[in-house]
Amino acid sequence: MANRAEALDLTALKDRLLRERSALLSRREAHRDDGKPVELDQQSVGRLSRMDAMQVQAMARESDRRRATRLMQIDAALQRIEDGEFGYCVACGEEIAPKRLLHDPAIPTCVACAGR
């Protein structure tokens, strides 16, 4: 693992992951109410406006789902750093290319396993 740590600046990658995690949590909190149910009162909101609101609601829910998925990926990568397993494919155990990890430190698999 020492060679892996020398090839990659684990402290910088961990800081990058923590910054991204913090930004995602902030965005989740800022958009917490975006996915709330749309009112059915068509007297105060027209049918097209309501459909627009429902579309915005669906997009907000999808954005929240993607944020949650990314948070899980980041948390898993942070755990791999703590466990000394960072930089190794979770599927086959081979080293992940440093350039791949520099592109996205939360990547859990090597290129070969990602394509399966």
C-alpha atoms as a PDB file:
ATOM      1  CA  MET A   1       0.000   0.000   0.000  1.00  0.00           C
ATOM      2  CA  ALA A   2       2.962   2.321   0.507  1.00  0.00           C
ATOM      3  CA  ASN A   3       3.601   2.437  -3.241  1.00  0.00           C
ATOM      4  CA  ARG A   4      -0.042   3.337  -3.839  1.00  0.00           C
ATOM      5  CA  ALA A   5       0.149   6.121  -1.225  1.00  0.00           C
ATOM      6  CA  GLU A   6       3.319   7.477  -2.843  1.00  0.00           C
ATOM      7  CA  ALA A   7       1.745   7.447  -6.332  1.00  0.00           C
ATOM      8  CA  LEU A   8      -1.367   9.229  -5.112  1.00  0.00           C
ATOM      9  CA  ASP A   9      -1.634  12.096  -2.649  1.00  0.00           C
ATOM     10  CA  LEU A  10      -4.236  10.437  -0.420  1.00  0.00           C
ATOM     11  CA  THR A  11      -4.557  13.517   1.775  1.00  0.00           C
ATOM     12  CA  ALA A  12      -5.427  15.692  -1.220  1.00  0.00           C
ATOM     13  CA  LEU A  13      -7.874  13.105  -2.569  1.00  0.00           C
ATOM     14  CA  LYS A  14      -9.513  12.743   0.838  1.00  0.00           C
ATOM     15  CA  ASP A  15      -9.831  16.534   1.134  1.00  0.00           C
ATOM     16  CA  ARG A  16     -11.356  16.651  -2.346  1.00  0.00           C
ATOM     17  CA  LEU A  17     -13.890  13.972  -1.400  1.00  0.00           C
ATOM     18  CA  LEU A  18     -14.749  15.756   1.846  1.00  0.00           C
ATOM     19  CA  ARG A  19     -15.255  19.075   0.025  1.00  0.00           C
ATOM     20  CA  GLU A  20     -17.535  17.431  -2.534  1.00  0.00           C
ATOM     21  CA  ARG A  21     -19.449  15.692   0.265  1.00  0.00           C
ATOM     22  CA  SER A  22     -19.935  18.985   2.091  1.00  0.00           C
ATOM     23  CA  ALA A  23     -21.137  20.712  -1.098  1.00  0.00           C
ATOM     24  CA  LEU A  24     -23.628  17.905  -1.788  1.00  0.00           C
ATOM     25  CA  LEU A  25     -25.000  18.082   1.752  1.00  0.00           C
ATOM     26  CA  SER A  26     -25.371  21.852   1.443  1.00  0.00           C
ATOM     27  CA  ARG A  27     -27.220  21.503  -1.868  1.00  0.00           C
ATOM     28  CA  ARG A  28     -29.465  18.815  -0.418  1.00  0.00           C
ATOM     29  CA  GLU A  29     -30.392  21.103   2.466  1.00  0.00           C
ATOM     30  CA  ALA A  30     -30.923  24.109   0.173  1.00  0.00           C
ATOM     31  CA  HIS A  31     -33.271  22.110  -2.078  1.00  0.00           C
ATOM     32  CA  ARG A  32     -34.996  20.121   0.669  1.00  0.00           C
ATOM     33  CA  ASP A  33     -38.456  21.524  -0.105  1.00  0.00           C
ATOM     34  CA  ASP A  34     -38.229  21.235  -3.910  1.00  0.00           C
ATOM     35  CA  GLY A  35     -39.669  17.719  -3.958  1.00  0.00           C
ATOM     36  CA  LYS A  36     -42.704  18.455  -1.816  1.00  0.00           C
ATOM     37  CA  PRO A  37     -46.096  17.432  -3.230  1.00  0.00           C
ATOM     38  CA  VAL A  38     -47.761  19.816  -5.656  1.00  0.00           C
ATOM     39  CA  GLU A  39     -51.020  21.386  -4.502  1.00  0.00           C
ATOM     40  CA  LEU A  40     -54.138  20.135  -6.298  1.00  0.00           C
ATOM     41  CA  ASP A  41     -55.995  23.451  -6.045  1.00  0.00           C
ATOM     42  CA  GLN A  42     -56.561  24.366  -9.691  1.00  0.00           C
ATOM     43  CA  GLN A  43     -58.345  27.563  -8.669  1.00  0.00           C
ATOM     44  CA  SER A  44     -55.103  29.152  -7.511  1.00  0.00           C
ATOM     45  CA  VAL A  45     -52.812  27.346  -9.960  1.00  0.00           C
ATOM     46  CA  GLY A  46     -53.713  26.666 -13.573  1.00  0.00           C
ATOM     47  CA  ARG A  47     -53.448  23.216 -15.128  1.00  0.00           C
ATOM     48  CA  LEU A  48     -50.291  24.039 -17.122  1.00  0.00           C
ATOM     49  CA  SER A  49     -48.681  25.710 -14.119  1.00  0.00           C
ATOM     50  CA  ARG A  50     -49.473  22.635 -12.056  1.00  0.00           C
ATOM     51  CA  MET A  51     -47.964  20.352 -14.713  1.00  0.00           C
ATOM     52  CA  ASP A  52     -44.899  22.579 -14.732  1.00  0.00           C
ATOM     53  CA  ALA A  53     -44.673  22.325 -10.955  1.00  0.00           C
ATOM     54  CA  MET A  54     -44.996  18.537 -11.143  1.00  0.00           C
ATOM     55  CA  GLN A  55     -42.156  18.387 -13.663  1.00  0.00           C
ATOM     56  CA  VAL A  56     -39.983  20.544 -11.406  1.00  0.00           C
ATOM     57  CA  GLN A  57     -40.888  18.254  -8.505  1.00  0.00           C
ATOM     58  CA  ALA A  58     -39.874  15.140 -10.490  1.00  0.00           C
ATOM     59  CA  MET A  59     -36.579  16.734 -11.491  1.00  0.00           C
ATOM     60  CA  ALA A  60     -35.919  17.722  -7.870  1.00  0.00           C
ATOM     61  CA  ARG A  61     -36.535  14.162  -6.711  1.00  0.00           C
ATOM     62  CA  GLU A  62     -34.173  12.796  -9.369  1.00  0.00           C
ATOM     63  CA  SER A  63     -31.518  15.340  -8.398  1.00  0.00           C
ATOM     64  CA  ASP A  64     -31.903  14.307  -4.774  1.00  0.00           C
ATOM     65  CA  ARG A  65     -31.591  10.635  -5.731  1.00  0.00           C
ATOM     66  CA  ARG A  66     -28.389  11.371  -7.656  1.00  0.00           C
ATOM     67  CA  ARG A  67     -26.982  13.376  -4.739  1.00  0.00           C
ATOM     68  CA  ALA A  68     -27.743  10.473  -2.383  1.00  0.00           C
ATOM     69  CA  THR A  69     -26.032   8.015  -4.738  1.00  0.00           C
ATOM     70  CA  ARG A  70     -22.961  10.240  -5.022  1.00  0.00           C
ATOM     71  CA  LEU A  71     -22.836  10.668  -1.241  1.00  0.00           C
ATOM     72  CA  MET A  72     -22.816   6.877  -0.838  1.00  0.00           C
ATOM     73  CA  GLN A  73     -19.972   6.612  -3.378  1.00  0.00           C
ATOM     74  CA  ILE A  74     -17.976   9.284  -1.556  1.00  0.00           C
ATOM     75  CA  ASP A  75     -18.588   7.717   1.852  1.00  0.00           C
ATOM     76  CA  ALA A  76     -17.465   4.334   0.510  1.00  0.00           C
ATOM     77  CA  ALA A  77     -14.286   5.877  -0.937  1.00  0.00           C
ATOM     78  CA  LEU A  78     -13.542   7.623   2.363  1.00  0.00           C
ATOM     79  CA  GLN A  79     -14.004   4.308   4.156  1.00  0.00           C
ATOM     80  CA  ARG A  80     -11.615   2.612   1.713  1.00  0.00           C
ATOM     81  CA  ILE A  81      -9.033   5.311   2.490  1.00  0.00           C
ATOM     82  CA  GLU A  82      -9.464   4.699   6.227  1.00  0.00           C
ATOM     83  CA  ASP A  83      -9.236   0.928   5.758  1.00  0.00           C
ATOM     84  CA  GLY A  84      -6.120   1.168   3.599  1.00  0.00           C
ATOM     85  CA  GLU A  85      -7.943  -0.328   0.624  1.00  0.00           C
ATOM     86  CA  PHE A  86      -8.170   2.810  -1.499  1.00  0.00           C
ATOM     87  CA  GLY A  87      -6.904   2.467  -5.040  1.00  0.00           C
ATOM     88  CA  TYR A  88      -7.777  -1.192  -5.395  1.00  0.00           C
ATOM     89  CA  CYS A  89     -10.749  -2.474  -7.372  1.00  0.00           C
ATOM     90  CA  VAL A  90     -13.567  -3.676  -5.122  1.00  0.00           C
ATOM     91  CA  ALA A  91     -14.468  -6.351  -7.695  1.00  0.00           C
ATOM     92  CA  CYS A  92     -11.128  -7.945  -8.610  1.00  0.00           C
ATOM     93  CA  GLY A  93      -8.648  -6.457  -6.139  1.00  0.00           C
ATOM     94  CA  GLU A  94      -6.285  -5.144  -8.835  1.00  0.00           C
ATOM     95  CA  GLU A  95      -4.895  -1.616  -8.668  1.00  0.00           C
ATOM     96  CA  ILE A  96      -6.996   1.127 -10.210  1.00  0.00           C
ATOM     97  CA  ALA A  97      -5.029   3.373 -12.568  1.00  0.00           C
ATOM     98  CA  PRO A  98      -3.935   6.560 -10.763  1.00  0.00           C
ATOM     99  CA  LYS A  99      -5.270   8.729 -13.605  1.00  0.00           C
ATOM    100  CA  ARG A 100      -8.699   7.127 -13.127  1.00  0.00           C
ATOM    101  CA  LEU A 101      -8.628   7.918  -9.423  1.00  0.00           C
ATOM    102  CA  LEU A 102      -7.432  11.470 -10.060  1.00  0.00           C
ATOM    103  CA  HIS A 103     -10.377  11.942 -12.404  1.00  0.00           C
ATOM    104  CA  ASP A 104     -12.832  10.653  -9.786  1.00  0.00           C
ATOM    105  CA  PRO A 105     -11.492   9.514  -6.400  1.00  0.00           C
ATOM    106  CA  ALA A 106     -14.798   7.797  -5.607  1.00  0.00           C
ATOM    107  CA  ILE A 107     -14.401   5.289  -8.471  1.00  0.00           C
ATOM    108  CA  PRO A 108     -14.531   1.808  -6.887  1.00  0.00           C
ATOM    109  CA  THR A 109     -13.500  -0.342  -9.860  1.00  0.00           C
ATOM    110  CA  CYS A 110     -10.749  -0.705 -12.431  1.00  0.00           C
ATOM    111  CA  VAL A 111     -11.546  -0.094 -16.099  1.00  0.00           C
ATOM    112  CA  ALA A 112     -11.867  -3.822 -16.824  1.00  0.00           C
ATOM    113  CA  CYS A 113     -14.440  -4.405 -14.075  1.00  0.00           C
ATOM    114  CA  ALA A 114     -16.325  -1.195 -14.835  1.00  0.00           C
ATOM    115  CA  GLY A 115     -17.012  -2.539 -18.321  1.00  0.00           C
ATOM    116  CA  ARG A 116     -18.598  -5.759 -17.072  1.00  0.00           C
END
